[in-house]
Amino acid sequence: MTPRYVRNRATRRDNTIAILISSVVAVGTAAGVFYFARLLLAREPLGRSLKEESKGALKAEK
């Protein structure tokens, strides 16, 4: 047996609550993406000497 629901029109209060919730979710998502992008952009590239040292360490282990 399938339950049935009576569809009601959304009130101004329902619309306001939906707008607030969606805005909070959007701001939270934007803040997370911004923070993640800042982390990626703040990385410093490895210098040539560090790359050579790590290769030398790997060769020494073999």
PDB file of N, CA and C in Angstrom:
ATOM      1  N   MET A   1       0.839  -1.171   0.000  1.00  0.00           N
ATOM      2  CA  MET A   1       0.000   0.000   0.000  1.00  0.00           C
ATOM      3  C   MET A   1       0.894   1.248   0.000  1.00  0.00           C
ATOM      4  N   THR A   2       0.629   2.145  -0.909  1.00  0.00           N
ATOM      5  CA  THR A   2       1.431   3.350  -1.055  1.00  0.00           C
ATOM      6  C   THR A   2       0.819   4.488  -0.242  1.00  0.00           C
ATOM      7  N   PRO A   3       1.630   5.141   0.616  1.00  0.00           N
ATOM      8  CA  PRO A   3       1.065   6.283   1.361  1.00  0.00           C
ATOM      9  C   PRO A   3       0.824   7.457   0.416  1.00  0.00           C
ATOM     10  N   ARG A   4      -0.192   8.206   0.694  1.00  0.00           N
ATOM     11  CA  ARG A   4      -0.523   9.365  -0.125  1.00  0.00           C
ATOM     12  C   ARG A   4      -0.378  10.627   0.704  1.00  0.00           C
ATOM     13  N   TYR A   5       0.012  11.686   0.048  1.00  0.00           N
ATOM     14  CA  TYR A   5       0.212  12.958   0.725  1.00  0.00           C
ATOM     15  C   TYR A   5      -0.610  14.027   0.018  1.00  0.00           C
ATOM     16  N   VAL A   6      -1.121  14.947   0.802  1.00  0.00           N
ATOM     17  CA  VAL A   6      -1.823  16.091   0.247  1.00  0.00           C
ATOM     18  C   VAL A   6      -0.799  17.201   0.056  1.00  0.00           C
ATOM     19  N   ARG A   7      -0.697  17.699  -1.163  1.00  0.00           N
ATOM     20  CA  ARG A   7       0.293  18.727  -1.447  1.00  0.00           C
ATOM     21  C   ARG A   7      -0.285  20.092  -1.103  1.00  0.00           C
ATOM     22  N   ASN A   8       0.451  20.823  -0.264  1.00  0.00           N
ATOM     23  CA  ASN A   8       0.036  22.169   0.127  1.00  0.00           C
ATOM     24  C   ASN A   8       0.965  23.179  -0.515  1.00  0.00           C
ATOM     25  N   ARG A   9       0.444  24.361  -0.762  1.00  0.00           N
ATOM     26  CA  ARG A   9       1.293  25.429  -1.286  1.00  0.00           C
ATOM     27  C   ARG A   9       2.227  25.904  -0.179  1.00  0.00           C
ATOM     28  N   ALA A  10       3.442  26.225  -0.577  1.00  0.00           N
ATOM     29  CA  ALA A  10       4.424  26.709   0.395  1.00  0.00           C
ATOM     30  C   ALA A  10       4.057  28.118   0.839  1.00  0.00           C
ATOM     31  N   THR A  11       4.199  28.348   2.124  1.00  0.00           N
ATOM     32  CA  THR A  11       3.903  29.674   2.669  1.00  0.00           C
ATOM     33  C   THR A  11       5.158  30.548   2.592  1.00  0.00           C
ATOM     34  N   ARG A  12       5.004  31.802   2.884  1.00  0.00           N
ATOM     35  CA  ARG A  12       6.147  32.718   2.881  1.00  0.00           C
ATOM     36  C   ARG A  12       7.180  32.263   3.911  1.00  0.00           C
ATOM     37  N   ARG A  13       6.725  31.761   5.039  1.00  0.00           N
ATOM     38  CA  ARG A  13       7.638  31.276   6.080  1.00  0.00           C
ATOM     39  C   ARG A  13       8.438  30.069   5.588  1.00  0.00           C
ATOM     40  N   ASP A  14       7.773  29.142   4.902  1.00  0.00           N
ATOM     41  CA  ASP A  14       8.468  27.977   4.350  1.00  0.00           C
ATOM     42  C   ASP A  14       9.528  28.401   3.339  1.00  0.00           C
ATOM     43  N   ASN A  15       9.172  29.357   2.487  1.00  0.00           N
ATOM     44  CA  ASN A  15      10.130  29.841   1.487  1.00  0.00           C
ATOM     45  C   ASN A  15      11.319  30.534   2.143  1.00  0.00           C
ATOM     46  N   THR A  16      11.067  31.308   3.195  1.00  0.00           N
ATOM     47  CA  THR A  16      12.137  32.005   3.899  1.00  0.00           C
ATOM     48  C   THR A  16      13.093  31.009   4.550  1.00  0.00           C
ATOM     49  N   ILE A  17      12.552  29.991   5.174  1.00  0.00           N
ATOM     50  CA  ILE A  17      13.388  28.966   5.811  1.00  0.00           C
ATOM     51  C   ILE A  17      14.217  28.237   4.764  1.00  0.00           C
ATOM     52  N   ALA A  18      13.619  27.917   3.621  1.00  0.00           N
ATOM     53  CA  ALA A  18      14.347  27.232   2.551  1.00  0.00           C
ATOM     54  C   ALA A  18      15.475  28.109   2.012  1.00  0.00           C
ATOM     55  N   ILE A  19      15.209  29.399   1.864  1.00  0.00           N
ATOM     56  CA  ILE A  19      16.244  30.320   1.383  1.00  0.00           C
ATOM     57  C   ILE A  19      17.386  30.407   2.385  1.00  0.00           C
ATOM     58  N   LEU A  20      17.071  30.490   3.668  1.00  0.00           N
ATOM     59  CA  LEU A  20      18.115  30.569   4.696  1.00  0.00           C
ATOM     60  C   LEU A  20      18.968  29.309   4.726  1.00  0.00           C
ATOM     61  N   ILE A  21      18.328  28.166   4.668  1.00  0.00           N
ATOM     62  CA  ILE A  21      19.072  26.900   4.707  1.00  0.00           C
ATOM     63  C   ILE A  21      19.962  26.766   3.479  1.00  0.00           C
ATOM     64  N   SER A  22      19.426  27.061   2.299  1.00  0.00           N
ATOM     65  CA  SER A  22      20.235  26.936   1.083  1.00  0.00           C
ATOM     66  C   SER A  22      21.375  27.952   1.066  1.00  0.00           C
ATOM     67  N   SER A  23      21.146  29.125   1.633  1.00  0.00           N
ATOM     68  CA  SER A  23      22.217  30.131   1.689  1.00  0.00           C
ATOM     69  C   SER A  23      23.337  29.685   2.622  1.00  0.00           C
ATOM     70  N   VAL A  24      22.982  29.117   3.752  1.00  0.00           N
ATOM     71  CA  VAL A  24      23.987  28.623   4.698  1.00  0.00           C
ATOM     72  C   VAL A  24      24.799  27.496   4.064  1.00  0.00           C
ATOM     73  N   VAL A  25      24.135  26.602   3.370  1.00  0.00           N
ATOM     74  CA  VAL A  25      24.841  25.504   2.700  1.00  0.00           C
ATOM     75  C   VAL A  25      25.775  26.054   1.619  1.00  0.00           C
ATOM     76  N   ALA A  26      25.297  27.025   0.848  1.00  0.00           N
ATOM     77  CA  ALA A  26      26.123  27.615  -0.218  1.00  0.00           C
ATOM     78  C   ALA A  26      27.345  28.329   0.350  1.00  0.00           C
ATOM     79  N   VAL A  27      27.171  29.090   1.423  1.00  0.00           N
ATOM     80  CA  VAL A  27      28.298  29.803   2.033  1.00  0.00           C
ATOM     81  C   VAL A  27      29.296  28.810   2.627  1.00  0.00           C
ATOM     82  N   GLY A  28      28.809  27.768   3.256  1.00  0.00           N
ATOM     83  CA  GLY A  28      29.694  26.747   3.809  1.00  0.00           C
ATOM     84  C   GLY A  28      30.491  26.033   2.732  1.00  0.00           C
ATOM     85  N   THR A  29      29.840  25.702   1.625  1.00  0.00           N
ATOM     86  CA  THR A  29      30.527  25.048   0.517  1.00  0.00           C
ATOM     87  C   THR A  29      31.567  25.981  -0.098  1.00  0.00           C
ATOM     88  N   ALA A  30      31.197  27.245  -0.290  1.00  0.00           N
ATOM     89  CA  ALA A  30      32.133  28.214  -0.861  1.00  0.00           C
ATOM     90  C   ALA A  30      33.336  28.408   0.055  1.00  0.00           C
ATOM     91  N   ALA A  31      33.118  28.463   1.351  1.00  0.00           N
ATOM     92  CA  ALA A  31      34.231  28.618   2.296  1.00  0.00           C
ATOM     93  C   ALA A  31      35.154  27.401   2.251  1.00  0.00           C
ATOM     94  N   GLY A  32      34.589  26.221   2.165  1.00  0.00           N
ATOM     95  CA  GLY A  32      35.403  25.005   2.077  1.00  0.00           C
ATOM     96  C   GLY A  32      36.229  24.961   0.803  1.00  0.00           C
ATOM     97  N   VAL A  33      35.635  25.317  -0.316  1.00  0.00           N
ATOM     98  CA  VAL A  33      36.356  25.328  -1.586  1.00  0.00           C
ATOM     99  C   VAL A  33      37.452  26.401  -1.562  1.00  0.00           C
ATOM    100  N   PHE A  34      37.143  27.562  -1.010  1.00  0.00           N
ATOM    101  CA  PHE A  34      38.137  28.629  -0.913  1.00  0.00           C
ATOM    102  C   PHE A  34      39.324  28.190  -0.068  1.00  0.00           C
ATOM    103  N   TYR A  35      39.058  27.570   1.066  1.00  0.00           N
ATOM    104  CA  TYR A  35      40.131  27.107   1.949  1.00  0.00           C
ATOM    105  C   TYR A  35      40.980  26.048   1.253  1.00  0.00           C
ATOM    106  N   PHE A  36      40.336  25.107   0.576  1.00  0.00           N
ATOM    107  CA  PHE A  36      41.057  24.047  -0.129  1.00  0.00           C
ATOM    108  C   PHE A  36      41.923  24.638  -1.245  1.00  0.00           C
ATOM    109  N   ALA A  37      41.391  25.605  -1.986  1.00  0.00           N
ATOM    110  CA  ALA A  37      42.161  26.248  -3.053  1.00  0.00           C
ATOM    111  C   ALA A  37      43.359  27.003  -2.477  1.00  0.00           C
ATOM    112  N   ARG A  38      43.163  27.661  -1.338  1.00  0.00           N
ATOM    113  CA  ARG A  38      44.283  28.361  -0.690  1.00  0.00           C
ATOM    114  C   ARG A  38      45.371  27.390  -0.266  1.00  0.00           C
ATOM    115  N   LEU A  39      44.966  26.226   0.241  1.00  0.00           N
ATOM    116  CA  LEU A  39      45.958  25.217   0.628  1.00  0.00           C
ATOM    117  C   LEU A  39      46.764  24.760  -0.581  1.00  0.00           C
ATOM    118  N   LEU A  40      46.089  24.533  -1.698  1.00  0.00           N
ATOM    119  CA  LEU A  40      46.796  24.083  -2.889  1.00  0.00           C
ATOM    120  C   LEU A  40      47.718  25.169  -3.439  1.00  0.00           C
ATOM    121  N   LEU A  41      47.273  26.410  -3.415  1.00  0.00           N
ATOM    122  CA  LEU A  41      48.082  27.496  -3.965  1.00  0.00           C
ATOM    123  C   LEU A  41      49.234  27.901  -3.041  1.00  0.00           C
ATOM    124  N   ALA A  42      49.151  27.580  -1.766  1.00  0.00           N
ATOM    125  CA  ALA A  42      50.178  27.979  -0.807  1.00  0.00           C
ATOM    126  C   ALA A  42      51.363  27.015  -0.778  1.00  0.00           C
ATOM    127  N   ARG A  43      51.277  25.937  -1.527  1.00  0.00           N
ATOM    128  CA  ARG A  43      52.383  24.981  -1.524  1.00  0.00           C
ATOM    129  C   ARG A  43      53.611  25.606  -2.164  1.00  0.00           C
ATOM    130  N   GLU A  44      54.754  25.226  -1.660  1.00  0.00           N
ATOM    131  CA  GLU A  44      56.007  25.716  -2.221  1.00  0.00           C
ATOM    132  C   GLU A  44      56.613  24.612  -3.076  1.00  0.00           C
ATOM    133  N   PRO A  45      57.087  24.969  -4.263  1.00  0.00           N
ATOM    134  CA  PRO A  45      57.683  23.936  -5.119  1.00  0.00           C
ATOM    135  C   PRO A  45      58.988  23.420  -4.520  1.00  0.00           C
ATOM    136  N   LEU A  46      59.263  22.162  -4.756  1.00  0.00           N
ATOM    137  CA  LEU A  46      60.516  21.587  -4.275  1.00  0.00           C
ATOM    138  C   LEU A  46      61.671  22.142  -5.090  1.00  0.00           C
ATOM    139  N   GLY A  47      62.731  22.490  -4.408  1.00  0.00           N
ATOM    140  CA  GLY A  47      63.916  22.973  -5.102  1.00  0.00           C
ATOM    141  C   GLY A  47      64.645  21.824  -5.777  1.00  0.00           C
ATOM    142  N   ARG A  48      65.573  22.155  -6.635  1.00  0.00           N
ATOM    143  CA  ARG A  48      66.307  21.122  -7.360  1.00  0.00           C
ATOM    144  C   ARG A  48      67.116  20.249  -6.410  1.00  0.00           C
ATOM    145  N   SER A  49      67.705  20.852  -5.372  1.00  0.00           N
ATOM    146  CA  SER A  49      68.536  20.085  -4.448  1.00  0.00           C
ATOM    147  C   SER A  49      67.698  19.078  -3.657  1.00  0.00           C
ATOM    148  N   LEU A  50      66.489  19.442  -3.289  1.00  0.00           N
ATOM    149  CA  LEU A  50      65.639  18.512  -2.554  1.00  0.00           C
ATOM    150  C   LEU A  50      65.239  17.327  -3.420  1.00  0.00           C
ATOM    151  N   LYS A  51      64.992  17.574  -4.695  1.00  0.00           N
ATOM    152  CA  LYS A  51      64.633  16.472  -5.595  1.00  0.00           C
ATOM    153  C   LYS A  51      65.814  15.514  -5.747  1.00  0.00           C
ATOM    154  N   GLU A  52      66.999  16.067  -5.906  1.00  0.00           N
ATOM    155  CA  GLU A  52      68.186  15.227  -6.074  1.00  0.00           C
ATOM    156  C   GLU A  52      68.475  14.444  -4.797  1.00  0.00           C
ATOM    157  N   GLU A  53      68.283  15.069  -3.640  1.00  0.00           N
ATOM    158  CA  GLU A  53      68.514  14.370  -2.378  1.00  0.00           C
ATOM    159  C   GLU A  53      67.548  13.211  -2.209  1.00  0.00           C
ATOM    160  N   SER A  54      66.291  13.428  -2.574  1.00  0.00           N
ATOM    161  CA  SER A  54      65.321  12.342  -2.404  1.00  0.00           C
ATOM    162  C   SER A  54      65.614  11.198  -3.380  1.00  0.00           C
ATOM    163  N   LYS A  55      66.065  11.518  -4.589  1.00  0.00           N
ATOM    164  CA  LYS A  55      66.424  10.464  -5.535  1.00  0.00           C
ATOM    165  C   LYS A  55      67.643   9.701  -5.028  1.00  0.00           C
ATOM    166  N   GLY A  56      68.599  10.428  -4.465  1.00  0.00           N
ATOM    167  CA  GLY A  56      69.785   9.779  -3.942  1.00  0.00           C
ATOM    168  C   GLY A  56      69.470   8.878  -2.763  1.00  0.00           C
ATOM    169  N   ALA A  57      68.546   9.281  -1.934  1.00  0.00           N
ATOM    170  CA  ALA A  57      68.144   8.472  -0.784  1.00  0.00           C
ATOM    171  C   ALA A  57      67.454   7.200  -1.261  1.00  0.00           C
ATOM    172  N   LEU A  58      66.657   7.304  -2.306  1.00  0.00           N
ATOM    173  CA  LEU A  58      65.984   6.117  -2.825  1.00  0.00           C
ATOM    174  C   LEU A  58      66.982   5.141  -3.437  1.00  0.00           C
ATOM    175  N   LYS A  59      67.998   5.671  -4.126  1.00  0.00           N
ATOM    176  CA  LYS A  59      69.014   4.809  -4.720  1.00  0.00           C
ATOM    177  C   LYS A  59      69.834   4.116  -3.630  1.00  0.00           C
ATOM    178  N   ALA A  60      70.093   4.825  -2.545  1.00  0.00           N
ATOM    179  CA  ALA A  60      70.899   4.257  -1.461  1.00  0.00           C
ATOM    180  C   ALA A  60      70.155   3.114  -0.766  1.00  0.00           C
ATOM    181  N   GLU A  61      68.830   3.194  -0.735  1.00  0.00           N
ATOM    182  CA  GLU A  61      68.053   2.144  -0.072  1.00  0.00           C
ATOM    183  C   GLU A  61      68.056   0.859  -0.890  1.00  0.00           C
ATOM    184  N   LYS A  62      68.174   0.965  -2.210  1.00  0.00           N
ATOM    185  CA  LYS A  62      68.124  -0.231  -3.068  1.00  0.00           C
ATOM    186  C   LYS A  62      69.391  -0.983  -2.918  1.00  0.00           C
TER     187      LYS A  62
END
